[in-house]
Amino acid sequence: MSPFPSLVTVSALILYFVVTINVGRARVKYQVPVPQTTGNLDFERVLRVQQNTLEQLALFLPALWLFSVYVSPIWGSVLGTTWIIGRIAYAWGYYQAAEKRVIGFAISSLSGIGLILGSLVGIILSLMKA
């Protein structure tokens, strides 16, 4: 198996770690004490980036690995890297304003859908060969 899906996985986890650290930094910057999660819209956007990234990781990671096993580790890594780029664009945009998150969300969503559908097709084709 190619090491590229592993590299993409570690990169996605690092991205999640960074957006999680950003929540802590935003708590200090916007004076939002633990366990409070509301009260400052700038903080809430930073928190939403972290929460949404975690939600998306639950779909992304299994899809990346299933695609890499049943279709192609190289193309899985390309789609996975595209997902990470989309998540970075999502975070960057959302940190500025809620309406600026759309392009990043679209990029990561489309690449995630590609991984999921590609995995399904690859698994079905594998079953038909068995």
Protein backbone atom coordinates (compact mmCIF):
# COMPACT_ATOMS: atom_id res chain seq x y z
CA MET A 1 0.00 0.00 0.00
CA SER A 2 1.16 3.48 -0.83
CA PRO A 3 2.17 5.72 2.10
CA PHE A 4 0.27 8.67 0.60
CA PRO A 5 -3.12 7.96 2.25
CA SER A 6 -1.28 7.79 5.58
CA LEU A 7 0.33 11.16 4.89
CA VAL A 8 -3.07 12.64 4.01
CA THR A 9 -4.55 11.17 7.21
CA VAL A 10 -1.82 12.71 9.38
CA SER A 11 -2.25 16.03 7.54
CA ALA A 12 -6.00 16.00 8.22
CA LEU A 13 -5.37 15.28 11.90
CA ILE A 14 -2.85 18.13 12.09
CA LEU A 15 -5.43 20.42 10.48
CA TYR A 16 -7.96 19.39 13.12
CA PHE A 17 -5.40 19.96 15.88
CA VAL A 18 -4.71 23.48 14.56
CA VAL A 19 -8.40 24.46 14.37
CA THR A 20 -8.83 23.10 17.90
CA ILE A 21 -5.94 25.24 19.15
CA ASN A 22 -7.57 28.20 17.40
CA VAL A 23 -10.64 27.73 19.60
CA GLY A 24 -8.51 28.10 22.72
CA ARG A 25 -6.80 31.17 21.30
CA ALA A 26 -10.19 32.65 20.36
CA ARG A 27 -11.48 32.07 23.91
CA VAL A 28 -8.72 34.29 25.21
CA LYS A 29 -8.95 36.87 22.42
CA TYR A 30 -12.73 37.27 22.64
CA GLN A 31 -12.95 36.67 26.40
CA VAL A 32 -15.26 33.66 26.26
CA PRO A 33 -14.63 31.56 29.41
CA VAL A 34 -14.99 27.79 29.56
CA PRO A 35 -17.59 26.21 29.31
CA GLN A 36 -19.37 29.07 27.54
CA THR A 37 -19.84 28.57 23.78
CA THR A 38 -21.85 31.65 22.87
CA GLY A 39 -21.81 35.38 23.41
CA ASN A 40 -19.32 36.58 20.82
CA LEU A 41 -20.00 35.99 17.13
CA ASP A 42 -16.31 36.03 16.20
CA PHE A 43 -15.64 33.28 18.74
CA GLU A 44 -18.69 31.30 17.64
CA ARG A 45 -17.38 31.19 14.05
CA VAL A 46 -14.02 29.83 15.23
CA LEU A 47 -15.80 27.21 17.35
CA ARG A 48 -18.05 26.29 14.42
CA VAL A 49 -15.00 25.65 12.20
CA GLN A 50 -13.66 23.20 14.78
CA GLN A 51 -17.02 21.48 15.28
CA ASN A 52 -17.75 21.20 11.57
CA THR A 53 -14.27 19.87 10.83
CA LEU A 54 -14.76 17.15 13.45
CA GLU A 55 -18.15 16.29 11.96
CA GLN A 56 -16.62 16.04 8.49
CA LEU A 57 -13.66 13.93 9.68
CA ALA A 58 -16.12 11.17 10.65
CA LEU A 59 -17.05 10.84 6.95
CA PHE A 60 -13.71 11.74 5.42
CA LEU A 61 -11.32 9.32 7.11
CA PRO A 62 -13.20 6.06 6.40
CA ALA A 63 -13.99 7.24 2.87
CA LEU A 64 -10.32 8.07 2.22
CA TRP A 65 -9.19 4.63 3.32
CA LEU A 66 -11.96 2.69 1.59
CA PHE A 67 -11.28 4.56 -1.65
CA SER A 68 -7.54 3.97 -1.28
CA VAL A 69 -8.04 0.23 -0.76
CA TYR A 70 -10.76 -0.42 -3.35
CA VAL A 71 -9.98 2.17 -6.04
CA SER A 72 -6.56 3.81 -5.88
CA PRO A 73 -4.32 5.06 -3.08
CA ILE A 74 -2.91 7.78 -5.36
CA TRP A 75 -6.31 9.10 -6.46
CA GLY A 76 -7.60 8.72 -2.90
CA SER A 77 -4.69 10.87 -1.76
CA VAL A 78 -5.39 13.46 -4.45
CA LEU A 79 -9.04 13.70 -3.39
CA GLY A 80 -7.97 13.68 0.26
CA THR A 81 -5.52 16.51 -0.29
CA THR A 82 -8.26 18.43 -2.09
CA TRP A 83 -10.50 17.87 0.94
CA ILE A 84 -7.80 19.32 3.23
CA ILE A 85 -7.35 22.35 0.96
CA GLY A 86 -11.12 22.84 1.03
CA ARG A 87 -11.18 22.65 4.83
CA ILE A 88 -8.40 25.24 5.05
CA ALA A 89 -10.33 27.55 2.70
CA TYR A 90 -13.49 26.90 4.75
CA ALA A 91 -11.73 27.82 8.00
CA TRP A 92 -10.02 30.87 6.57
CA GLY A 93 -13.26 32.18 5.09
CA TYR A 94 -15.42 31.37 8.10
CA TYR A 95 -12.99 33.07 10.48
CA GLN A 96 -13.63 36.28 8.53
CA ALA A 97 -17.39 36.02 7.94
CA ALA A 98 -19.96 33.21 7.78
CA GLU A 99 -20.76 33.87 4.14
CA LYS A 100 -17.11 33.43 3.14
CA ARG A 101 -17.10 29.74 4.08
CA VAL A 102 -19.06 28.54 1.05
CA ILE A 103 -16.24 27.92 -1.46
CA GLY A 104 -14.17 25.93 1.03
CA PHE A 105 -17.22 23.95 2.10
CA ALA A 106 -18.03 23.17 -1.53
CA ILE A 107 -14.48 22.00 -2.29
CA SER A 108 -14.28 19.72 0.74
CA SER A 109 -17.84 18.43 0.27
CA LEU A 110 -17.36 17.57 -3.40
CA SER A 111 -14.08 15.79 -2.77
CA GLY A 112 -15.65 13.93 0.17
CA ILE A 113 -18.59 12.87 -1.99
CA GLY A 114 -16.10 11.68 -4.62
CA LEU A 115 -14.37 9.54 -2.01
CA ILE A 116 -17.65 8.09 -0.73
CA LEU A 117 -19.16 7.33 -4.15
CA GLY A 118 -15.85 6.07 -5.51
CA SER A 119 -15.54 3.75 -2.51
CA LEU A 120 -19.02 2.40 -3.11
CA VAL A 121 -18.29 1.71 -6.78
CA GLY A 122 -14.93 0.12 -5.93
CA ILE A 123 -16.49 -2.14 -3.30
CA ILE A 124 -19.31 -3.20 -5.62
CA LEU A 125 -16.85 -3.99 -8.43
CA SER A 126 -14.73 -5.96 -5.98
CA LEU A 127 -17.78 -7.96 -4.89
CA MET A 128 -18.71 -8.67 -8.50
CA LYS A 129 -15.23 -10.15 -9.10
CA ALA A 130 -15.49 -12.44 -6.08
